[in-house]
């Protein structure tokens, strides 16, 4: 069992801990709460916001192990207590950074359109802007289990616009972000979208690694699982 070999667990949520956001997470909740009672620390790292994770997991650990939800693609950290999630850290964008994010997304959409790829700015999330690269009814809400099929559809869509692959889209988004004044943009993709942000999951991983190292929990004492 993980609690016998490890002192900390770090894993992704969507597609790793649960197959999708509609799944029953009761078994995950039970295991997380048991791990915490056995002094195992649990870190869930996700791109989504805390309401989605906590609303599905619903864990209320009693310790001594800690449960942290590292959400919003590296921008927030919540500790979950018996009363629920408590905000521990939030990266707050400046007015100039938000303007640069808006401009970066506009430039990326414009440049992709010039190449013949129709995209859509779908949301303004905390510290990031999200662009739908395949805004078609067939792929309106793809399941994590269908990511291979989505990747194939995306390859064909990009090829029709003369774009080599998703890496080329990421490079274009990075150039747009730097042109808009972001010195260290974080460009990520879940295949369907490309996101331009100020943080990414590496920030969550650094928080977990630093917190654990302060308590002497490193290397083989830590189990990392995910992404999907």
C-alpha atoms as a PDB file:
ATOM      1  CA  UNK A   1       0.000   0.000   0.000  1.00  0.00           C
ATOM      2  CA  UNK A   2       1.265   3.537  -0.740  1.00  0.00           C
ATOM      3  CA  UNK A   3       0.983   4.564   2.921  1.00  0.00           C
ATOM      4  CA  UNK A   4       3.526   1.864   3.869  1.00  0.00           C
ATOM      5  CA  UNK A   5       6.157   2.967   1.339  1.00  0.00           C
ATOM      6  CA  UNK A   6       5.607   6.715   0.929  1.00  0.00           C
ATOM      7  CA  UNK A   7       5.188   9.747   3.149  1.00  0.00           C
ATOM      8  CA  UNK A   8       3.611  11.931   0.451  1.00  0.00           C
ATOM      9  CA  UNK A   9       1.496  11.500  -2.678  1.00  0.00           C
ATOM     10  CA  UNK A  10       1.304  14.062  -5.509  1.00  0.00           C
ATOM     11  CA  UNK A  11      -1.113  13.469  -8.375  1.00  0.00           C
ATOM     12  CA  UNK A  12      -3.302  15.106 -10.997  1.00  0.00           C
ATOM     13  CA  UNK A  13      -7.099  15.153 -10.707  1.00  0.00           C
ATOM     14  CA  UNK A  14      -8.972  14.965 -14.046  1.00  0.00           C
ATOM     15  CA  UNK A  15      -8.117  11.807 -15.965  1.00  0.00           C
ATOM     16  CA  UNK A  16      -5.831  10.529 -13.182  1.00  0.00           C
ATOM     17  CA  UNK A  17      -7.627  10.379  -9.833  1.00  0.00           C
ATOM     18  CA  UNK A  18     -11.019  10.362 -11.569  1.00  0.00           C
ATOM     19  CA  UNK A  19     -11.923   9.544 -15.193  1.00  0.00           C
ATOM     20  CA  UNK A  20     -14.008  12.711 -15.553  1.00  0.00           C
ATOM     21  CA  UNK A  21     -15.777  15.378 -13.487  1.00  0.00           C
ATOM     22  CA  UNK A  22     -19.043  13.448 -13.386  1.00  0.00           C
ATOM     23  CA  UNK A  23     -17.486  10.348 -11.798  1.00  0.00           C
ATOM     24  CA  UNK A  24     -18.214   9.228  -8.249  1.00  0.00           C
ATOM     25  CA  UNK A  25     -15.079  10.030  -6.234  1.00  0.00           C
ATOM     26  CA  UNK A  26     -16.178   8.242  -3.040  1.00  0.00           C
ATOM     27  CA  UNK A  27     -13.388   5.655  -3.226  1.00  0.00           C
ATOM     28  CA  UNK A  28     -10.763   8.356  -3.795  1.00  0.00           C
ATOM     29  CA  UNK A  29     -12.166  10.372  -0.898  1.00  0.00           C
ATOM     30  CA  UNK A  30     -12.003   7.364   1.420  1.00  0.00           C
ATOM     31  CA  UNK A  31      -8.396   6.594   0.493  1.00  0.00           C
ATOM     32  CA  UNK A  32      -7.261  10.219   0.809  1.00  0.00           C
ATOM     33  CA  UNK A  33      -8.803  10.492   4.274  1.00  0.00           C
ATOM     34  CA  UNK A  34      -7.203   7.200   5.336  1.00  0.00           C
ATOM     35  CA  UNK A  35      -3.796   8.312   4.042  1.00  0.00           C
ATOM     36  CA  UNK A  36      -4.072  11.516   6.067  1.00  0.00           C
ATOM     37  CA  UNK A  37      -4.937   9.600   9.242  1.00  0.00           C
ATOM     38  CA  UNK A  38      -1.755   7.569   8.616  1.00  0.00           C
ATOM     39  CA  UNK A  39       0.382  10.764   8.402  1.00  0.00           C
ATOM     40  CA  UNK A  40       0.719  10.639   4.607  1.00  0.00           C
ATOM     41  CA  UNK A  41       0.558  14.093   2.998  1.00  0.00           C
ATOM     42  CA  UNK A  42      -1.538  14.384  -0.197  1.00  0.00           C
ATOM     43  CA  UNK A  43      -1.151  17.054  -2.885  1.00  0.00           C
ATOM     44  CA  UNK A  44      -3.634  17.214  -5.755  1.00  0.00           C
ATOM     45  CA  UNK A  45      -2.294  19.278  -8.660  1.00  0.00           C
ATOM     46  CA  UNK A  46      -4.805  20.460 -11.241  1.00  0.00           C
ATOM     47  CA  UNK A  47      -5.434  23.088 -13.868  1.00  0.00           C
ATOM     48  CA  UNK A  48      -9.052  23.502 -12.805  1.00  0.00           C
ATOM     49  CA  UNK A  49     -10.402  25.613  -9.949  1.00  0.00           C
ATOM     50  CA  UNK A  50     -10.799  24.412  -6.382  1.00  0.00           C
ATOM     51  CA  UNK A  51     -14.613  24.204  -6.547  1.00  0.00           C
ATOM     52  CA  UNK A  52     -14.396  21.479  -9.187  1.00  0.00           C
ATOM     53  CA  UNK A  53     -11.900  19.400  -7.208  1.00  0.00           C
ATOM     54  CA  UNK A  54     -13.389  19.831  -3.742  1.00  0.00           C
ATOM     55  CA  UNK A  55     -16.942  19.552  -5.057  1.00  0.00           C
ATOM     56  CA  UNK A  56     -16.129  16.108  -6.429  1.00  0.00           C
ATOM     57  CA  UNK A  57     -13.637  14.851  -3.838  1.00  0.00           C
ATOM     58  CA  UNK A  58     -15.434  16.174  -0.718  1.00  0.00           C
ATOM     59  CA  UNK A  59     -12.607  14.954   1.536  1.00  0.00           C
ATOM     60  CA  UNK A  60     -12.467  16.336   5.086  1.00  0.00           C
ATOM     61  CA  UNK A  61      -9.283  14.850   6.545  1.00  0.00           C
ATOM     62  CA  UNK A  62      -8.590  14.902  10.264  1.00  0.00           C
ATOM     63  CA  UNK A  63      -4.788  14.645  10.009  1.00  0.00           C
ATOM     64  CA  UNK A  64      -2.025  14.318  10.947  1.00  0.00           C
ATOM     65  CA  UNK A  65      -1.318  14.093   7.201  1.00  0.00           C
ATOM     66  CA  UNK A  66      -2.172  17.243   5.258  1.00  0.00           C
ATOM     67  CA  UNK A  67      -4.297  17.564   2.120  1.00  0.00           C
ATOM     68  CA  UNK A  68      -3.453  20.370  -0.306  1.00  0.00           C
ATOM     69  CA  UNK A  69      -5.370  21.269  -3.469  1.00  0.00           C
ATOM     70  CA  UNK A  70      -2.972  23.043  -5.848  1.00  0.00           C
ATOM     71  CA  UNK A  71      -5.425  24.528  -8.326  1.00  0.00           C
ATOM     72  CA  UNK A  72      -5.845  26.962 -11.198  1.00  0.00           C
ATOM     73  CA  UNK A  73      -2.751  25.732 -13.006  1.00  0.00           C
ATOM     74  CA  UNK A  74      -0.254  26.786 -10.360  1.00  0.00           C
ATOM     75  CA  UNK A  75      -1.944  29.999  -9.218  1.00  0.00           C
ATOM     76  CA  UNK A  76      -3.605  28.821  -5.984  1.00  0.00           C
ATOM     77  CA  UNK A  77      -2.970  26.494  -3.056  1.00  0.00           C
ATOM     78  CA  UNK A  78      -5.668  25.454  -0.595  1.00  0.00           C
ATOM     79  CA  UNK A  79      -5.273  23.334   2.517  1.00  0.00           C
ATOM     80  CA  UNK A  80      -8.301  21.158   3.181  1.00  0.00           C
ATOM     81  CA  UNK A  81      -9.244  20.867   6.838  1.00  0.00           C
ATOM     82  CA  UNK A  82     -12.250  19.329   8.546  1.00  0.00           C
ATOM     83  CA  UNK A  83     -14.097  22.545   7.711  1.00  0.00           C
ATOM     84  CA  UNK A  84     -13.174  22.597   4.015  1.00  0.00           C
ATOM     85  CA  UNK A  85     -10.594  24.317   1.775  1.00  0.00           C
ATOM     86  CA  UNK A  86      -8.647  27.248   3.214  1.00  0.00           C
ATOM     87  CA  UNK A  87      -6.682  29.504   0.846  1.00  0.00           C
ATOM     88  CA  UNK A  88      -2.941  29.378   1.580  1.00  0.00           C
ATOM     89  CA  UNK A  89      -1.531  31.116  -1.498  1.00  0.00           C
ATOM     90  CA  UNK A  90      -2.802  32.939  -4.576  1.00  0.00           C
ATOM     91  CA  UNK A  91      -0.771  34.492  -7.384  1.00  0.00           C
ATOM     92  CA  UNK A  92      -2.404  37.854  -8.085  1.00  0.00           C
ATOM     93  CA  UNK A  93      -1.850  39.419 -11.508  1.00  0.00           C
ATOM     94  CA  UNK A  94      -1.188  43.121 -11.778  1.00  0.00           C
ATOM     95  CA  UNK A  95      -3.346  45.352 -13.964  1.00  0.00           C
ATOM     96  CA  UNK A  96      -0.547  45.459 -16.539  1.00  0.00           C
ATOM     97  CA  UNK A  97      -0.198  41.664 -16.492  1.00  0.00           C
ATOM     98  CA  UNK A  98      -3.921  41.214 -17.096  1.00  0.00           C
ATOM     99  CA  UNK A  99      -3.789  43.655 -19.990  1.00  0.00           C
ATOM    100  CA  UNK A 100      -0.814  41.774 -21.428  1.00  0.00           C
ATOM    101  CA  UNK A 101      -2.647  38.456 -21.089  1.00  0.00           C
ATOM    102  CA  UNK A 102      -5.656  39.899 -22.928  1.00  0.00           C
ATOM    103  CA  UNK A 103      -3.444  41.289 -25.683  1.00  0.00           C
ATOM    104  CA  UNK A 104      -1.445  38.066 -25.966  1.00  0.00           C
ATOM    105  CA  UNK A 105      -4.615  36.034 -26.474  1.00  0.00           C
ATOM    106  CA  UNK A 106      -5.895  38.506 -29.072  1.00  0.00           C
ATOM    107  CA  UNK A 107      -2.602  38.332 -30.971  1.00  0.00           C
ATOM    108  CA  UNK A 108      -2.522  34.532 -30.871  1.00  0.00           C
ATOM    109  CA  UNK A 109      -6.097  34.256 -32.193  1.00  0.00           C
ATOM    110  CA  UNK A 110      -5.286  36.815 -34.882  1.00  0.00           C
ATOM    111  CA  UNK A 111      -2.074  35.103 -36.000  1.00  0.00           C
ATOM    112  CA  UNK A 112      -3.671  31.653 -36.075  1.00  0.00           C
ATOM    113  CA  UNK A 113      -6.539  33.103 -38.116  1.00  0.00           C
ATOM    114  CA  UNK A 114      -4.059  34.513 -40.621  1.00  0.00           C
ATOM    115  CA  UNK A 115      -2.770  30.956 -41.080  1.00  0.00           C
ATOM    116  CA  UNK A 116      -6.310  29.747 -41.734  1.00  0.00           C
ATOM    117  CA  UNK A 117      -7.009  28.228 -38.333  1.00  0.00           C
ATOM    118  CA  UNK A 118     -10.280  29.391 -36.814  1.00  0.00           C
ATOM    119  CA  UNK A 119     -10.059  29.535 -33.016  1.00  0.00           C
ATOM    120  CA  UNK A 120     -12.088  31.050 -30.199  1.00  0.00           C
ATOM    121  CA  UNK A 121     -11.146  32.785 -26.976  1.00  0.00           C
ATOM    122  CA  UNK A 122     -13.269  30.805 -24.541  1.00  0.00           C
ATOM    123  CA  UNK A 123     -12.471  32.158 -21.121  1.00  0.00           C
ATOM    124  CA  UNK A 124     -10.463  34.473 -18.958  1.00  0.00           C
ATOM    125  CA  UNK A 125      -9.351  32.259 -16.078  1.00  0.00           C
ATOM    126  CA  UNK A 126      -7.275  33.325 -13.102  1.00  0.00           C
ATOM    127  CA  UNK A 127      -3.890  34.452 -14.464  1.00  0.00           C
ATOM    128  CA  UNK A 128      -4.421  32.874 -17.872  1.00  0.00           C
ATOM    129  CA  UNK A 129      -6.337  33.093 -21.135  1.00  0.00           C
ATOM    130  CA  UNK A 130      -7.716  30.006 -22.863  1.00  0.00           C
ATOM    131  CA  UNK A 131      -8.068  29.579 -26.630  1.00  0.00           C
ATOM    132  CA  UNK A 132     -10.167  26.784 -28.154  1.00  0.00           C
ATOM    133  CA  UNK A 133      -8.236  25.359 -31.104  1.00  0.00           C
ATOM    134  CA  UNK A 134     -11.063  23.154 -32.318  1.00  0.00           C
ATOM    135  CA  UNK A 135     -14.352  25.021 -31.624  1.00  0.00           C
ATOM    136  CA  UNK A 136     -16.594  22.493 -33.352  1.00  0.00           C
ATOM    137  CA  UNK A 137     -19.741  20.773 -32.042  1.00  0.00           C
ATOM    138  CA  UNK A 138     -18.120  17.332 -32.299  1.00  0.00           C
ATOM    139  CA  UNK A 139     -15.411  18.367 -29.843  1.00  0.00           C
ATOM    140  CA  UNK A 140     -17.404  20.753 -27.653  1.00  0.00           C
ATOM    141  CA  UNK A 141     -16.756  18.755 -24.479  1.00  0.00           C
ATOM    142  CA  UNK A 142     -14.298  15.902 -25.081  1.00  0.00           C
ATOM    143  CA  UNK A 143     -13.822  13.244 -22.424  1.00  0.00           C
ATOM    144  CA  UNK A 144     -10.363  12.542 -21.076  1.00  0.00           C
ATOM    145  CA  UNK A 145     -10.707   8.965 -22.315  1.00  0.00           C
ATOM    146  CA  UNK A 146     -11.007  10.275 -25.883  1.00  0.00           C
ATOM    147  CA  UNK A 147      -7.776  12.271 -25.829  1.00  0.00           C
ATOM    148  CA  UNK A 148      -6.125  10.041 -28.458  1.00  0.00           C
ATOM    149  CA  UNK A 149      -9.037  10.609 -30.862  1.00  0.00           C
ATOM    150  CA  UNK A 150      -8.953  14.326 -30.086  1.00  0.00           C
ATOM    151  CA  UNK A 151      -5.219  14.434 -30.796  1.00  0.00           C
ATOM    152  CA  UNK A 152      -5.765  12.825 -34.196  1.00  0.00           C
ATOM    153  CA  UNK A 153      -8.552  15.266 -35.057  1.00  0.00           C
ATOM    154  CA  UNK A 154      -6.313  18.124 -33.955  1.00  0.00           C
ATOM    155  CA  UNK A 155      -3.407  16.893 -36.112  1.00  0.00           C
ATOM    156  CA  UNK A 156      -5.673  16.869 -39.160  1.00  0.00           C
ATOM    157  CA  UNK A 157      -7.074  20.313 -38.327  1.00  0.00           C
ATOM    158  CA  UNK A 158      -3.626  21.855 -37.897  1.00  0.00           C
ATOM    159  CA  UNK A 159      -2.326  20.179 -41.075  1.00  0.00           C
ATOM    160  CA  UNK A 160      -5.172  21.720 -43.068  1.00  0.00           C
ATOM    161  CA  UNK A 161      -3.847  25.148 -42.004  1.00  0.00           C
ATOM    162  CA  UNK A 162      -0.250  24.215 -42.774  1.00  0.00           C
ATOM    163  CA  UNK A 163       0.696  24.066 -39.085  1.00  0.00           C
ATOM    164  CA  UNK A 164       3.081  21.258 -38.234  1.00  0.00           C
ATOM    165  CA  UNK A 165       1.855  20.319 -34.761  1.00  0.00           C
ATOM    166  CA  UNK A 166       0.777  21.589 -31.354  1.00  0.00           C
ATOM    167  CA  UNK A 167       4.375  22.538 -30.587  1.00  0.00           C
ATOM    168  CA  UNK A 168       4.161  25.088 -33.396  1.00  0.00           C
ATOM    169  CA  UNK A 169       0.972  26.511 -31.857  1.00  0.00           C
ATOM    170  CA  UNK A 170       2.688  26.737 -28.476  1.00  0.00           C
ATOM    171  CA  UNK A 171       5.628  28.559 -30.076  1.00  0.00           C
ATOM    172  CA  UNK A 172       3.262  31.001 -31.784  1.00  0.00           C
ATOM    173  CA  UNK A 173       1.413  31.647 -28.514  1.00  0.00           C
ATOM    174  CA  UNK A 174       4.720  32.196 -26.728  1.00  0.00           C
ATOM    175  CA  UNK A 175       5.800  34.749 -29.345  1.00  0.00           C
ATOM    176  CA  UNK A 176       2.433  36.510 -29.020  1.00  0.00           C
ATOM    177  CA  UNK A 177       2.780  36.621 -25.232  1.00  0.00           C
ATOM    178  CA  UNK A 178       6.260  38.107 -25.380  1.00  0.00           C
ATOM    179  CA  UNK A 179       5.115  40.638 -27.965  1.00  0.00           C
ATOM    180  CA  UNK A 180       2.357  41.625 -25.547  1.00  0.00           C
ATOM    181  CA  UNK A 181       4.878  42.300 -22.797  1.00  0.00           C
ATOM    182  CA  UNK A 182       4.963  39.052 -20.802  1.00  0.00           C
ATOM    183  CA  UNK A 183       8.584  38.241 -19.972  1.00  0.00           C
ATOM    184  CA  UNK A 184       7.991  34.706 -18.679  1.00  0.00           C
ATOM    185  CA  UNK A 185       4.772  33.375 -20.212  1.00  0.00           C
ATOM    186  CA  UNK A 186       3.632  29.845 -19.375  1.00  0.00           C
ATOM    187  CA  UNK A 187       2.101  28.204 -22.434  1.00  0.00           C
ATOM    188  CA  UNK A 188       0.199  24.968 -21.872  1.00  0.00           C
ATOM    189  CA  UNK A 189      -2.139  22.769 -23.885  1.00  0.00           C
ATOM    190  CA  UNK A 190      -4.633  19.995 -23.170  1.00  0.00           C
ATOM    191  CA  UNK A 191      -4.794  19.295 -26.944  1.00  0.00           C
ATOM    192  CA  UNK A 192      -8.140  21.069 -27.391  1.00  0.00           C
ATOM    193  CA  UNK A 193      -6.911  24.401 -26.034  1.00  0.00           C
ATOM    194  CA  UNK A 194      -3.767  26.455 -25.801  1.00  0.00           C
ATOM    195  CA  UNK A 195      -3.448  28.616 -22.704  1.00  0.00           C
ATOM    196  CA  UNK A 196      -1.290  31.657 -22.077  1.00  0.00           C
ATOM    197  CA  UNK A 197      -0.650  32.142 -18.384  1.00  0.00           C
ATOM    198  CA  UNK A 198       1.502  33.517 -15.617  1.00  0.00           C
ATOM    199  CA  UNK A 199       1.733  30.152 -13.840  1.00  0.00           C
ATOM    200  CA  UNK A 200       1.532  26.446 -14.635  1.00  0.00           C
ATOM    201  CA  UNK A 201       1.595  23.108 -12.819  1.00  0.00           C
ATOM    202  CA  UNK A 202       5.333  23.394 -12.249  1.00  0.00           C
ATOM    203  CA  UNK A 203       4.541  26.122  -9.702  1.00  0.00           C
ATOM    204  CA  UNK A 204       2.279  23.679  -7.870  1.00  0.00           C
ATOM    205  CA  UNK A 205       5.002  21.027  -7.993  1.00  0.00           C
ATOM    206  CA  UNK A 206       7.543  23.485  -6.597  1.00  0.00           C
ATOM    207  CA  UNK A 207       5.207  24.349  -3.721  1.00  0.00           C
ATOM    208  CA  UNK A 208       4.767  20.665  -2.881  1.00  0.00           C
ATOM    209  CA  UNK A 209       8.492  19.888  -3.196  1.00  0.00           C
ATOM    210  CA  UNK A 210       9.475  22.864  -1.030  1.00  0.00           C
ATOM    211  CA  UNK A 211       6.856  22.141   1.643  1.00  0.00           C
ATOM    212  CA  UNK A 212       7.904  18.497   1.820  1.00  0.00           C
ATOM    213  CA  UNK A 213      11.656  19.223   1.770  1.00  0.00           C
ATOM    214  CA  UNK A 214      11.243  21.493   4.797  1.00  0.00           C
ATOM    215  CA  UNK A 215       9.971  18.405   6.607  1.00  0.00           C
ATOM    216  CA  UNK A 216      12.682  16.080   5.296  1.00  0.00           C
ATOM    217  CA  UNK A 217      10.360  14.301   2.856  1.00  0.00           C
ATOM    218  CA  UNK A 218      12.175  13.957  -0.465  1.00  0.00           C
ATOM    219  CA  UNK A 219      13.174  11.453  -3.166  1.00  0.00           C
ATOM    220  CA  UNK A 220      11.829   7.935  -2.767  1.00  0.00           C
ATOM    221  CA  UNK A 221       9.512   9.006   0.052  1.00  0.00           C
ATOM    222  CA  UNK A 222       7.338  10.858  -2.482  1.00  0.00           C
ATOM    223  CA  UNK A 223       5.091   9.151  -5.061  1.00  0.00           C
ATOM    224  CA  UNK A 224       4.051  11.230  -8.089  1.00  0.00           C
ATOM    225  CA  UNK A 225       1.213  10.148 -10.388  1.00  0.00           C
ATOM    226  CA  UNK A 226      -0.326  11.651 -13.547  1.00  0.00           C
ATOM    227  CA  UNK A 227      -1.007  13.468 -15.839  1.00  0.00           C
ATOM    228  CA  UNK A 228      -3.568  11.512 -17.855  1.00  0.00           C
END
